[in-house]
Amino acid sequence: MKSQCGRNLRAELEHTQARLAELEATMNAIYRGEVDALAVGGPQGSRIFTLQNPEEPYRILAERMSEGVATLSAEGTILFCNQRLAKMTGLPPERMLGAPFVSKLCEEDRAGFPGLVQLALQHNVRSEGHLLQENESVLPVQLSLSRILLQESGEGICLVATDLSERVRAEEELRLSRERQLRLKDELLSHVSHELRTPLACIHQFTTILLDGISGELTADQSGVLEIILKSANQLRTMIDDLLETARIEAGKVKVARSCVVLQDAVREAIQMLRGTAAEKGIDLEREGHSELLVYADPRRVLQILLNLIGNALKFTPAGGHVEVKYGVAPGEPGYALVTVEDDGCGISEPVQARVFERLYQEGGSIDQGHEGLGLGLAICKELVSSHKGKIWVESQPGKGSTFSFTLPVYSLERILSPVLTENGTLRRAVSLILVRAVPKPTTAAIEQWSRTRRKLNELLCRCSLPDKDVVLPSVRAQPAGETFAILAGTDASGAELLAQRIRQQMKRCQELSENCVAQVSSQVVRATQELETPTKEDVEAIAREVACAVSQAMNMRSGSR
């Protein structure tokens, strides 16, 4: 139904354009003297009009058209308009004559119309715009302008306005229908994926029990069959996770909790997780990059992007091949880090490169060669990179491998602090720092449990702070032995202490935080000033560096005083 509607719209548009071209050619032929007479059909039969006076047949033709027609002077003044154009504007023809046509257009279309008129004096021009109607509503139209010769004043413009409201309405209905279909599909995928996870977990669990020999000894053939079942279950679980992740992205439910990430650590962790897969295929998996490069990103999402890209490279690289992950500062963009995943696999053809980041897209050859997957991994990568204000792209040649690249913003404390230092173009009178030193209780031994606790604490700090006045500073690493969190607040000492008190109260009310960690909350002013003049960009950057230095010292002292 959707494709049929699209074909109908295209056919209607092509038919309209053909009619316009034919009418313009006819009117131009009349004014060039290439036509001696004109036959006009009507209810009483056809009538023949000679062209001794070209105005008469031109007006007869214009009045019988279903499009709006006007004759304009070289300056854009309306010299003649048919009834249809007058009806489109809601004005009688006599009120149209003598007025500049640009006054009949919407405000946003008026600036470009004189240029269209000048271009039309040289060659035919088409453009889309909006006619301003008498009731102050607007009508979308296609404007076709062509040069004609006027009997008395020389050059002029023939303007034909085609009503596009039906096309716009059809396109809007098509867009809404597409959105409904996508929403229903996403809901179905999400529901089915959730329902599949429970039986899949049972399959995985009992297969593992059998392979571990808990239910008795297995023969070699039985173990081989169970290994195949387990591998297939893991592939299915990956597909289900991708479906759920895609549904969350489409619903806008994916949260990005950005912090300071050591890029080297993220790459090392991803390679360690995929080292076994590379070893099975005999593929060399290496890394090369700047050891101290920091990015401002969500560590879980960075790892997810790396696992997807490296996993894809291993999937499409033959046994004995080579995959390398490189990272460093992006050339020409010092504010961004560049990560590349290079392989010497089968490569990607140029037409396919433009589509590899689309949802559910798979190249025909990859399916034929038995590469498992749903074609969602790269689409997820693109969404996650975009959510970090980065870019992702691919460079490849068939038979010569592929290079997938993406960028992430480099961590810069000065850049994070700058928005807090000013308000309405003036410097804030004071900037304060609230420190929260959180240490896990002895019962919170598991790293995963502490990771959940610190995320909970970070969410609490974000709720307590004001988005337009405060910023929750990212930490460098999640330390199992404890961590210092910080908020830079655009307030004085009393305001900072109120914020600290609110954090203490909220932490007491949160059962998970009370059970899993002990926290000390303190506040201090890191910069006080009476400067109220309008600061320049350089002033703000200098103050940001000063505050960043003070914040770093305060956090280091706090971390050392346990």
Protein backbone atom coordinates (compact mmCIF):
# COMPACT_ATOMS: atom_id res chain seq x y z
CA MET A 1 0.00 0.00 0.00
CA LYS A 2 2.82 2.36 0.94
CA SER A 3 4.78 1.74 -2.29
CA GLN A 4 1.59 2.09 -4.39
CA CYS A 5 0.85 5.47 -2.76
CA GLY A 6 4.41 6.61 -3.48
CA ARG A 7 4.13 5.53 -7.13
CA ASN A 8 0.82 7.40 -7.49
CA LEU A 9 2.38 10.56 -6.09
CA ARG A 10 5.34 10.32 -8.45
CA ALA A 11 3.09 9.68 -11.44
CA GLU A 12 0.88 12.65 -10.55
CA LEU A 13 3.88 14.93 -10.16
CA GLU A 14 5.40 13.81 -13.48
CA HIS A 15 2.04 14.35 -15.23
CA THR A 16 1.75 17.86 -13.75
CA GLN A 17 5.29 18.74 -14.79
CA ALA A 18 4.63 17.50 -18.32
CA ARG A 19 1.47 19.63 -18.55
CA LEU A 20 3.34 22.68 -17.31
CA ALA A 21 6.11 22.19 -19.83
CA GLU A 22 3.60 21.82 -22.66
CA LEU A 23 1.65 24.94 -21.64
CA GLU A 24 4.80 27.00 -21.29
CA ALA A 25 6.02 25.86 -24.69
CA THR A 26 2.65 26.77 -26.25
CA MET A 27 2.58 30.25 -24.76
CA ASN A 28 6.20 30.91 -25.73
CA ALA A 29 5.40 29.79 -29.29
CA ILE A 30 2.46 32.23 -29.40
CA TYR A 31 4.63 35.17 -28.42
CA ARG A 32 7.44 34.24 -30.78
CA GLY A 33 4.96 34.21 -33.66
CA GLU A 34 5.47 30.53 -34.41
CA VAL A 35 1.69 29.77 -34.17
CA ASP A 36 -0.83 31.27 -36.63
CA ALA A 37 -4.05 30.16 -34.96
CA LEU A 38 -5.32 28.49 -31.83
CA ALA A 39 -8.13 25.93 -31.52
CA VAL A 40 -9.96 26.02 -28.18
CA GLY A 41 -12.46 23.29 -27.34
CA GLY A 42 -15.69 23.98 -25.46
CA PRO A 43 -19.21 22.64 -24.83
CA GLN A 44 -20.39 24.13 -28.15
CA GLY A 45 -17.49 22.69 -30.11
CA SER A 46 -14.09 24.05 -31.01
CA ARG A 47 -13.44 27.67 -31.99
CA ILE A 48 -10.52 28.94 -34.07
CA PHE A 49 -8.78 32.13 -32.93
CA THR A 50 -6.36 33.85 -35.23
CA LEU A 51 -3.27 35.36 -33.67
CA GLN A 52 -3.33 38.82 -35.22
CA ASN A 53 -3.57 40.13 -31.62
CA PRO A 54 -1.56 37.75 -29.41
CA GLU A 55 -3.20 38.96 -26.17
CA GLU A 56 -6.60 37.46 -26.95
CA PRO A 57 -5.62 33.77 -27.44
CA TYR A 58 -3.11 34.00 -24.58
CA ARG A 59 -5.85 35.11 -22.19
CA ILE A 60 -8.32 32.52 -23.52
CA LEU A 61 -5.75 29.79 -22.95
CA ALA A 62 -4.84 31.12 -19.48
CA GLU A 63 -8.46 31.30 -18.34
CA ARG A 64 -9.10 27.70 -19.35
CA MET A 65 -6.11 26.36 -17.39
CA SER A 66 -6.51 24.62 -14.02
CA GLU A 67 -3.28 26.28 -12.85
CA GLY A 68 -2.86 29.85 -11.78
CA VAL A 69 -1.32 32.01 -14.53
CA ALA A 70 0.05 35.54 -14.43
CA THR A 71 1.96 37.85 -16.71
CA LEU A 72 4.65 39.81 -14.89
CA SER A 73 6.76 42.71 -15.97
CA ALA A 74 10.53 42.35 -15.85
CA GLU A 75 10.33 43.95 -12.39
CA GLY A 76 7.79 41.41 -11.12
CA THR A 77 4.61 43.54 -11.32
CA ILE A 78 1.41 41.64 -12.11
CA LEU A 79 0.09 42.75 -15.53
CA PHE A 80 -2.47 39.98 -15.96
CA CYS A 81 -3.74 37.01 -13.92
CA ASN A 82 -6.38 34.40 -14.60
CA GLN A 83 -9.33 33.57 -12.37
CA ARG A 84 -7.63 30.48 -10.99
CA LEU A 85 -4.67 32.43 -9.58
CA ALA A 86 -7.04 35.00 -8.09
CA LYS A 87 -8.99 32.18 -6.43
CA MET A 88 -5.77 30.67 -5.07
CA THR A 89 -4.98 33.94 -3.28
CA GLY A 90 -8.60 34.69 -2.33
CA LEU A 91 -8.53 38.09 -4.04
CA PRO A 92 -10.50 39.35 -7.08
CA PRO A 93 -8.38 39.77 -10.25
CA GLU A 94 -8.71 43.58 -10.20
CA ARG A 95 -6.96 43.69 -6.82
CA MET A 96 -4.12 41.57 -8.17
CA LEU A 97 -3.31 43.76 -11.17
CA GLY A 98 -0.55 46.30 -10.64
CA ALA A 99 0.66 44.71 -7.42
CA PRO A 100 4.15 43.20 -7.09
CA PHE A 101 3.81 39.42 -7.17
CA VAL A 102 6.32 39.13 -4.33
CA SER A 103 3.68 40.66 -2.02
CA LYS A 104 1.51 37.57 -2.62
CA LEU A 105 4.18 35.25 -1.25
CA CYS A 106 4.89 34.26 2.34
CA GLU A 107 7.50 36.22 4.22
CA GLU A 108 10.14 33.46 4.03
CA ASP A 109 9.79 33.17 0.23
CA ARG A 110 9.97 36.87 -0.63
CA ALA A 111 13.72 37.36 -0.33
CA GLY A 112 14.53 34.86 -3.07
CA PHE A 113 11.80 35.80 -5.58
CA PRO A 114 13.57 38.76 -7.30
CA GLY A 115 16.47 36.44 -8.06
CA LEU A 116 14.08 33.92 -9.63
CA VAL A 117 12.69 36.67 -11.88
CA GLN A 118 16.17 37.63 -13.07
CA LEU A 119 17.03 33.99 -13.77
CA ALA A 120 13.73 33.52 -15.66
CA LEU A 121 14.75 36.30 -18.08
CA GLN A 122 17.60 34.01 -19.15
CA HIS A 123 16.08 30.52 -18.95
CA ASN A 124 13.06 28.66 -17.55
CA VAL A 125 13.00 28.41 -13.75
CA ARG A 126 11.03 26.22 -11.32
CA SER A 127 10.77 26.65 -7.58
CA GLU A 128 8.47 25.77 -4.70
CA GLY A 129 6.94 28.43 -2.47
CA HIS A 130 3.82 29.45 -0.55
CA LEU A 131 1.09 31.85 -1.64
CA LEU A 132 -0.30 34.10 1.07
CA GLN A 133 -4.10 33.88 1.04
CA GLU A 134 -6.61 36.52 2.07
CA ASN A 135 -7.52 34.61 5.25
CA GLU A 136 -3.80 34.64 6.24
CA SER A 137 -3.39 30.91 5.56
CA VAL A 138 -0.75 29.67 3.14
CA LEU A 139 -0.98 27.53 0.02
CA PRO A 140 2.02 25.44 -1.11
CA VAL A 141 2.63 25.93 -4.84
CA GLN A 142 5.14 25.15 -7.54
CA LEU A 143 6.13 28.28 -9.44
CA SER A 144 7.25 27.96 -13.08
CA LEU A 145 8.67 31.13 -14.63
CA SER A 146 9.67 31.66 -18.26
CA ARG A 147 10.60 34.64 -20.42
CA ILE A 148 8.03 36.05 -22.87
CA LEU A 149 7.90 39.09 -25.15
CA LEU A 150 5.29 41.71 -24.32
CA GLN A 151 3.81 43.70 -27.19
CA GLU A 152 4.40 47.12 -25.64
CA SER A 153 7.05 46.81 -22.91
CA GLY A 154 9.42 44.21 -24.32
CA GLU A 155 10.49 41.41 -21.96
CA GLY A 156 8.19 39.93 -19.37
CA ILE A 157 7.60 36.80 -17.33
CA CYS A 158 4.97 34.10 -17.71
CA LEU A 159 4.30 32.63 -14.27
CA VAL A 160 2.39 29.39 -13.71
CA ALA A 161 1.43 28.43 -10.13
CA THR A 162 0.47 24.79 -9.47
CA ASP A 163 -1.39 23.93 -6.27
CA LEU A 164 0.67 21.40 -4.28
CA SER A 165 -1.63 21.10 -1.28
CA GLU A 166 -2.88 17.66 -2.35
CA ARG A 167 0.66 16.43 -2.85
CA VAL A 168 1.74 17.85 0.50
CA ARG A 169 -1.25 16.23 2.19
CA ALA A 170 -0.49 12.88 0.54
CA GLU A 171 3.17 13.11 1.55
CA GLU A 172 2.20 13.92 5.14
CA GLU A 173 -0.19 10.96 5.23
CA LEU A 174 2.56 8.77 3.81
CA ARG A 175 5.00 10.00 6.47
CA LEU A 176 2.52 9.37 9.28
CA SER A 177 1.73 5.93 7.89
CA ARG A 178 5.43 5.10 7.76
CA GLU A 179 5.88 6.28 11.35
CA ARG A 180 2.95 4.14 12.50
CA GLN A 181 4.36 1.11 10.74
CA LEU A 182 7.80 1.64 12.29
CA ARG A 183 6.27 2.13 15.73
CA LEU A 184 4.19 -1.04 15.44
CA LYS A 185 7.19 -2.96 14.15
CA ASP A 186 9.38 -1.71 17.02
CA GLU A 187 6.72 -2.60 19.57
CA LEU A 188 6.38 -6.06 18.06
CA LEU A 189 10.14 -6.60 17.99
CA SER A 190 10.49 -5.41 21.58
CA HIS A 191 7.65 -7.63 22.81
CA VAL A 192 8.83 -10.71 20.92
CA SER A 193 12.42 -10.17 22.05
CA HIS A 194 11.40 -9.95 25.70
CA GLU A 195 9.29 -13.10 25.39
CA LEU A 196 12.16 -15.01 23.76
CA ARG A 197 14.69 -14.22 26.48
CA THR A 198 13.14 -16.53 29.12
CA PRO A 199 13.07 -19.78 27.08
CA LEU A 200 16.47 -18.89 25.62
CA ALA A 201 17.92 -18.52 29.11
CA CYS A 202 16.61 -22.01 29.96
CA ILE A 203 18.18 -23.49 26.83
CA HIS A 204 21.50 -21.83 27.65
CA GLN A 205 21.42 -22.87 31.31
CA PHE A 206 20.57 -26.55 30.77
CA THR A 207 22.98 -26.88 27.85
CA THR A 208 25.74 -25.56 30.09
CA ILE A 209 24.75 -28.02 32.84
CA LEU A 210 25.01 -30.92 30.38
CA LEU A 211 28.37 -29.73 29.01
CA ASP A 212 29.78 -29.41 32.54
CA GLY A 213 28.95 -33.05 33.15
CA ILE A 214 26.69 -32.36 36.11
CA SER A 215 24.03 -34.69 34.71
CA GLY A 216 26.50 -37.43 33.80
CA GLU A 217 29.33 -38.19 31.44
CA LEU A 218 28.90 -37.32 27.74
CA THR A 219 30.32 -38.93 24.66
CA ALA A 220 32.40 -36.86 22.23
CA ASP A 221 29.52 -36.74 19.74
CA GLN A 222 27.07 -35.59 22.41
CA SER A 223 29.45 -32.85 23.55
CA GLY A 224 29.88 -31.72 19.94
CA VAL A 225 26.12 -31.45 19.44
CA LEU A 226 25.70 -29.51 22.69
CA GLU A 227 28.50 -27.13 21.70
CA ILE A 228 26.60 -26.38 18.49
CA ILE A 229 23.39 -25.79 20.49
CA LEU A 230 25.23 -23.45 22.88
CA LYS A 231 26.84 -21.51 20.05
CA SER A 232 23.47 -21.09 18.31
CA ALA A 233 21.86 -19.99 21.59
CA ASN A 234 24.57 -17.37 22.06
CA GLN A 235 24.04 -16.09 18.51
CA LEU A 236 20.30 -15.86 19.13
CA ARG A 237 20.88 -14.01 22.40
CA THR A 238 23.07 -11.49 20.58
CA MET A 239 20.34 -10.94 17.99
CA ILE A 240 17.71 -10.46 20.69
CA ASP A 241 19.93 -7.97 22.53
CA ASP A 242 20.41 -6.03 19.28
CA LEU A 243 16.66 -5.95 18.68
CA LEU A 244 15.99 -4.68 22.20
CA GLU A 245 18.76 -2.08 21.93
CA THR A 246 17.37 -0.85 18.61
CA ALA A 247 13.87 -0.60 20.08
CA ARG A 248 15.23 1.41 23.02
CA ILE A 249 17.10 3.75 20.68
CA GLU A 250 14.00 4.33 18.55
CA ALA A 251 11.95 5.03 21.68
CA GLY A 252 14.58 7.50 22.95
CA LYS A 253 15.15 5.40 26.08
CA VAL A 254 18.91 4.94 25.69
CA LYS A 255 20.69 7.02 28.30
CA VAL A 256 24.27 8.19 27.85
CA ALA A 257 26.03 8.71 31.20
CA ARG A 258 29.18 10.49 30.07
CA SER A 259 32.34 10.49 32.15
CA CYS A 260 36.07 10.69 31.59
CA VAL A 261 37.16 7.51 29.80
CA VAL A 262 40.75 6.37 29.26
CA LEU A 263 40.51 5.27 25.64
CA GLN A 264 43.40 2.84 26.04
CA ASP A 265 41.51 0.98 28.79
CA ALA A 266 38.35 0.69 26.67
CA VAL A 267 40.26 -0.65 23.65
CA ARG A 268 42.25 -3.10 25.79
CA GLU A 269 39.07 -4.44 27.41
CA ALA A 270 37.33 -4.92 24.04
CA ILE A 271 40.33 -6.75 22.59
CA GLN A 272 40.59 -9.00 25.64
CA MET A 273 36.92 -9.94 25.31
CA LEU A 274 37.35 -10.85 21.61
CA ARG A 275 40.83 -12.39 21.82
CA GLY A 276 39.36 -15.90 21.95
CA THR A 277 37.26 -15.34 18.81
CA ALA A 278 40.33 -14.06 16.97
CA ALA A 279 42.41 -17.02 18.12
CA GLU A 280 39.83 -19.51 16.85
CA LYS A 281 40.19 -18.09 13.33
CA GLY A 282 43.95 -17.52 13.59
CA ILE A 283 43.53 -13.76 13.16
CA ASP A 284 46.09 -11.33 14.57
CA LEU A 285 44.28 -8.77 16.75
CA GLU A 286 46.44 -5.78 17.69
CA ARG A 287 46.11 -2.22 18.98
CA GLU A 288 48.13 0.96 18.62
CA GLY A 289 47.50 4.37 20.15
CA HIS A 290 48.13 7.16 22.63
CA SER A 291 48.23 5.70 26.14
CA GLU A 292 46.89 8.77 27.99
CA LEU A 293 44.15 9.93 25.62
CA LEU A 294 40.94 10.75 27.51
CA VAL A 295 37.48 11.05 25.96
CA TYR A 296 34.24 12.44 27.37
CA ALA A 297 31.87 9.53 26.81
CA ASP A 298 29.82 6.75 28.37
CA PRO A 299 32.32 3.92 29.07
CA ARG A 300 29.71 1.20 28.56
CA ARG A 301 28.68 2.65 25.20
CA VAL A 302 32.28 3.07 24.04
CA LEU A 303 32.91 -0.60 24.84
CA GLN A 304 29.70 -1.55 23.00
CA ILE A 305 30.81 0.37 19.88
CA LEU A 306 34.25 -1.22 19.94
CA LEU A 307 32.88 -4.74 20.41
CA ASN A 308 30.50 -4.28 17.46
CA LEU A 309 33.18 -2.93 15.10
CA ILE A 310 35.94 -5.36 16.11
CA GLY A 311 33.46 -8.26 16.05
CA ASN A 312 32.39 -7.28 12.53
CA ALA A 313 36.02 -7.08 11.41
CA LEU A 314 36.72 -10.58 12.77
CA LYS A 315 33.55 -11.91 11.14
CA PHE A 316 34.49 -10.75 7.63
CA THR A 317 38.24 -11.41 7.84
CA PRO A 318 39.40 -14.83 6.62
CA ALA A 319 41.51 -17.18 8.74
CA GLY A 320 45.09 -16.00 9.06
CA GLY A 321 44.08 -12.36 8.49
CA HIS A 322 44.87 -9.24 10.47
CA VAL A 323 42.73 -6.77 12.45
CA GLU A 324 44.16 -3.68 14.12
CA VAL A 325 42.58 -1.02 16.34
CA LYS A 326 44.22 2.41 16.25
CA TYR A 327 43.35 5.48 18.29
CA GLY A 328 44.67 9.01 18.69
CA VAL A 329 43.77 12.67 18.26
CA ALA A 330 41.75 13.26 15.08
CA PRO A 331 43.87 15.03 12.42
CA GLY A 332 42.67 18.62 12.05
CA GLU A 333 40.22 18.20 14.97
CA PRO A 334 42.17 18.49 18.24
CA GLY A 335 38.93 18.43 20.22
CA TYR A 336 38.11 14.90 19.04
CA ALA A 337 39.67 11.46 19.32
CA LEU A 338 39.75 9.20 16.26
CA VAL A 339 39.37 5.42 16.57
CA THR A 340 39.83 3.14 13.55
CA VAL A 341 39.27 -0.61 13.17
CA GLU A 342 41.19 -1.91 10.14
CA ASP A 343 40.96 -5.38 8.62
CA ASP A 344 42.21 -7.12 5.50
CA GLY A 345 38.97 -8.97 4.86
CA CYS A 346 36.63 -9.14 1.87
CA GLY A 347 35.96 -5.38 1.73
CA ILE A 348 32.76 -3.53 0.86
CA SER A 349 31.67 -2.25 -2.56
CA GLU A 350 31.06 1.48 -2.96
CA PRO A 351 27.24 1.27 -3.37
CA VAL A 352 26.98 -0.83 -0.20
CA GLN A 353 29.15 1.57 1.86
CA ALA A 354 26.37 4.15 1.78
CA ARG A 355 23.90 1.66 3.30
CA VAL A 356 25.87 -0.38 5.84
CA PHE A 357 24.71 1.85 8.71
CA GLU A 358 21.03 1.35 7.88
CA ARG A 359 18.87 -0.78 10.16
CA LEU A 360 18.40 -4.42 9.12
CA TYR A 361 20.60 -3.95 6.04
CA GLN A 362 22.79 -6.87 5.00
CA GLU A 363 24.75 -7.27 1.80
CA GLY A 364 23.53 -10.19 -0.25
CA GLY A 365 26.98 -11.75 -0.36
CA SER A 366 27.33 -11.77 3.41
CA ILE A 367 24.09 -13.75 3.76
CA ASP A 368 25.17 -16.22 1.09
CA GLN A 369 28.49 -16.76 2.90
CA GLY A 370 26.66 -17.67 6.13
CA HIS A 371 27.56 -14.62 8.25
CA GLU A 372 25.07 -14.58 11.10
CA GLY A 373 23.37 -11.43 12.36
CA LEU A 374 20.42 -9.14 11.70
CA GLY A 375 22.27 -6.16 10.30
CA LEU A 376 21.66 -4.03 13.41
CA GLY A 377 25.15 -3.73 14.89
CA LEU A 378 26.39 -0.90 12.69
CA ALA A 379 23.08 0.97 12.97
CA ILE A 380 23.40 0.82 16.77
CA CYS A 381 27.00 2.06 16.52
CA LYS A 382 25.90 5.02 14.44
CA GLU A 383 23.21 6.02 16.94
CA LEU A 384 25.57 5.70 19.90
CA VAL A 385 28.35 7.70 18.23
CA SER A 386 25.85 10.41 17.23
CA SER A 387 24.58 10.62 20.82
CA HIS A 388 28.16 11.55 21.81
CA LYS A 389 28.29 14.28 19.11
CA GLY A 390 30.74 12.20 17.07
CA LYS A 391 30.87 10.86 13.52
CA ILE A 392 31.25 7.35 12.08
CA TRP A 393 32.14 6.28 8.54
CA VAL A 394 33.72 3.48 6.50
CA GLU A 395 36.41 3.34 3.83
CA SER A 396 36.82 0.15 1.86
CA GLN A 397 37.73 -1.54 -1.39
CA PRO A 398 36.47 -4.99 -2.41
CA GLY A 399 39.14 -7.58 -1.75
CA LYS A 400 41.38 -5.14 0.13
CA GLY A 401 39.70 -4.90 3.52
CA SER A 402 37.77 -2.19 5.33
CA THR A 403 38.48 0.60 7.80
CA PHE A 404 35.68 1.71 10.12
CA SER A 405 36.36 5.03 11.86
CA PHE A 406 34.54 7.04 14.51
CA THR A 407 35.24 10.12 16.60
CA LEU A 408 34.51 11.02 20.21
CA PRO A 409 35.01 14.34 22.01
CA VAL A 410 38.28 14.60 23.93
CA TYR A 411 37.84 15.13 27.66
CA SER A 412 38.45 18.78 28.51
CA LEU A 413 37.63 19.97 32.01
CA GLU A 414 37.89 23.61 30.86
CA ARG A 415 35.27 23.07 28.15
CA ILE A 416 32.92 21.36 30.60
CA LEU A 417 33.29 24.17 33.15
CA SER A 418 32.87 27.15 30.80
CA PRO A 419 29.00 27.16 30.73
CA VAL A 420 28.89 27.35 34.55
CA LEU A 421 31.11 30.41 34.79
CA THR A 422 28.78 32.86 33.07
CA GLU A 423 25.13 33.85 33.34
CA ASN A 424 23.39 36.13 30.82
CA GLY A 425 26.74 37.22 29.45
CA THR A 426 28.29 38.19 32.81
CA LEU A 427 30.61 36.33 35.14
CA ARG A 428 29.03 34.69 38.16
CA ARG A 429 29.99 36.23 41.49
CA ALA A 430 31.09 32.88 42.88
CA VAL A 431 31.70 29.29 41.81
CA SER A 432 31.70 26.49 44.39
CA LEU A 433 32.71 22.85 44.46
CA ILE A 434 30.73 20.12 46.21
CA LEU A 435 32.72 16.92 46.78
CA VAL A 436 31.18 13.54 47.54
CA ARG A 437 33.66 10.90 48.66
CA ALA A 438 31.95 7.49 48.42
CA VAL A 439 33.53 4.31 49.79
CA PRO A 440 31.89 0.87 49.36
CA LYS A 441 30.93 -1.00 52.52
CA PRO A 442 32.64 -4.37 53.17
CA THR A 443 29.44 -6.11 52.04
CA THR A 444 29.72 -4.39 48.64
CA ALA A 445 32.60 -6.51 47.43
CA ALA A 446 31.49 -7.39 43.91
CA ILE A 447 32.71 -5.02 41.21
CA GLU A 448 29.38 -5.21 39.37
CA GLN A 449 27.50 -4.28 42.55
CA TRP A 450 29.73 -1.28 43.17
CA SER A 451 29.37 -0.25 39.52
CA ARG A 452 25.57 -0.19 39.95
CA THR A 453 25.92 1.76 43.22
CA ARG A 454 28.14 4.45 41.71
CA ARG A 455 25.73 4.85 38.77
CA LYS A 456 22.90 5.29 41.27
CA LEU A 457 24.92 7.94 43.12
CA ASN A 458 25.75 9.76 39.90
CA GLU A 459 22.03 9.83 38.97
CA LEU A 460 21.22 11.24 42.43
CA LEU A 461 23.78 14.04 42.00
CA CYS A 462 22.32 14.91 38.59
CA ARG A 463 18.82 15.17 40.12
CA CYS A 464 20.04 17.42 42.94
CA SER A 465 21.89 19.84 40.64
CA LEU A 466 20.39 22.56 38.44
CA PRO A 467 21.06 22.01 34.71
CA ASP A 468 21.56 25.71 33.92
CA LYS A 469 23.76 26.53 36.95
CA ASP A 470 25.59 23.35 37.95
CA VAL A 471 27.56 20.59 36.27
CA VAL A 472 28.28 17.11 37.63
CA LEU A 473 31.94 16.49 36.83
CA PRO A 474 32.88 13.13 35.36
CA SER A 475 35.32 10.88 37.17
CA VAL A 476 38.34 9.39 35.43
CA ARG A 477 37.92 5.75 36.49
CA ALA A 478 35.45 3.72 38.49
CA GLN A 479 37.62 2.67 41.46
CA PRO A 480 36.50 -0.41 43.44
CA ALA A 481 38.13 1.07 46.58
CA GLY A 482 36.06 4.23 46.42
CA GLU A 483 35.56 7.32 44.32
CA THR A 484 35.26 11.09 44.59
CA PHE A 485 32.32 12.70 42.81
CA ALA A 486 32.11 16.44 42.25
CA ILE A 487 29.59 19.12 41.33
CA LEU A 488 30.68 22.58 40.19
CA ALA A 489 27.89 24.98 41.17
CA GLY A 490 27.42 28.59 40.14
CA THR A 491 26.71 29.78 43.68
CA ASP A 492 28.39 31.17 46.79
CA ALA A 493 29.31 29.38 50.04
CA SER A 494 25.80 29.43 51.51
CA GLY A 495 24.21 28.12 48.31
CA ALA A 496 26.85 25.40 48.05
CA GLU A 497 26.18 24.26 51.62
CA LEU A 498 22.44 24.07 50.88
CA LEU A 499 23.18 21.87 47.86
CA ALA A 500 25.48 19.67 49.98
CA GLN A 501 22.76 19.32 52.61
CA ARG A 502 20.22 18.32 49.95
CA ILE A 503 22.61 15.61 48.69
CA ARG A 504 23.05 14.22 52.23
CA GLN A 505 19.29 14.05 52.73
CA GLN A 506 18.66 12.34 49.38
CA MET A 507 21.39 9.76 50.05
CA LYS A 508 19.84 8.86 53.40
CA ARG A 509 16.48 8.30 51.70
CA CYS A 510 17.98 6.00 49.04
CA GLN A 511 18.09 2.49 50.49
CA GLU A 512 20.53 1.13 47.90
CA LEU A 513 23.10 3.85 48.64
CA SER A 514 22.65 3.56 52.41
CA GLU A 515 23.25 -0.20 52.29
CA ASN A 516 26.19 -0.25 49.90
CA CYS A 517 28.38 2.79 50.58
CA VAL A 518 29.53 5.39 53.09
CA ALA A 519 29.77 8.94 51.79
CA GLN A 520 31.23 12.22 53.03
CA VAL A 521 29.88 15.43 51.47
CA SER A 522 31.74 18.74 51.66
CA SER A 523 31.64 22.10 49.89
CA GLN A 524 34.05 24.95 49.23
CA VAL A 525 34.27 28.11 47.10
CA VAL A 526 36.86 27.74 44.35
CA ARG A 527 36.47 31.21 42.85
CA ALA A 528 34.90 34.41 44.15
CA THR A 529 34.83 37.66 42.16
CA GLN A 530 33.04 40.97 41.89
CA GLU A 531 33.72 41.30 38.16
CA LEU A 532 30.43 42.05 36.40
CA GLU A 533 31.69 43.29 33.03
CA THR A 534 30.91 41.33 29.88
CA PRO A 535 33.72 38.78 29.54
CA THR A 536 35.28 37.81 26.24
CA LYS A 537 35.67 34.22 25.11
CA GLU A 538 39.36 34.38 26.02
CA ASP A 539 38.47 35.64 29.53
CA VAL A 540 36.10 32.73 30.10
CA GLU A 541 38.68 30.22 28.83
CA ALA A 542 41.35 31.65 31.13
CA ILE A 543 39.02 31.53 34.15
CA ALA A 544 37.96 27.99 33.18
CA ARG A 545 41.61 26.91 33.27
CA GLU A 546 42.02 28.55 36.66
CA VAL A 547 38.92 26.86 38.06
CA ALA A 548 39.88 23.51 36.49
CA CYS A 549 43.24 23.68 38.24
CA ALA A 550 41.57 24.46 41.58
CA VAL A 551 39.05 21.63 41.08
CA SER A 552 41.79 19.13 40.23
CA GLN A 553 43.79 20.09 43.33
CA ALA A 554 40.73 19.87 45.57
CA MET A 555 39.76 16.44 44.21
CA ASN A 556 43.31 15.10 44.51
CA MET A 557 43.62 16.33 48.10
CA ARG A 558 40.26 14.83 48.92
CA SER A 559 41.13 11.51 47.34
CA GLY A 560 44.36 11.35 49.31
CA SER A 561 42.82 12.14 52.70
CA ARG A 562 41.08 8.89 53.47
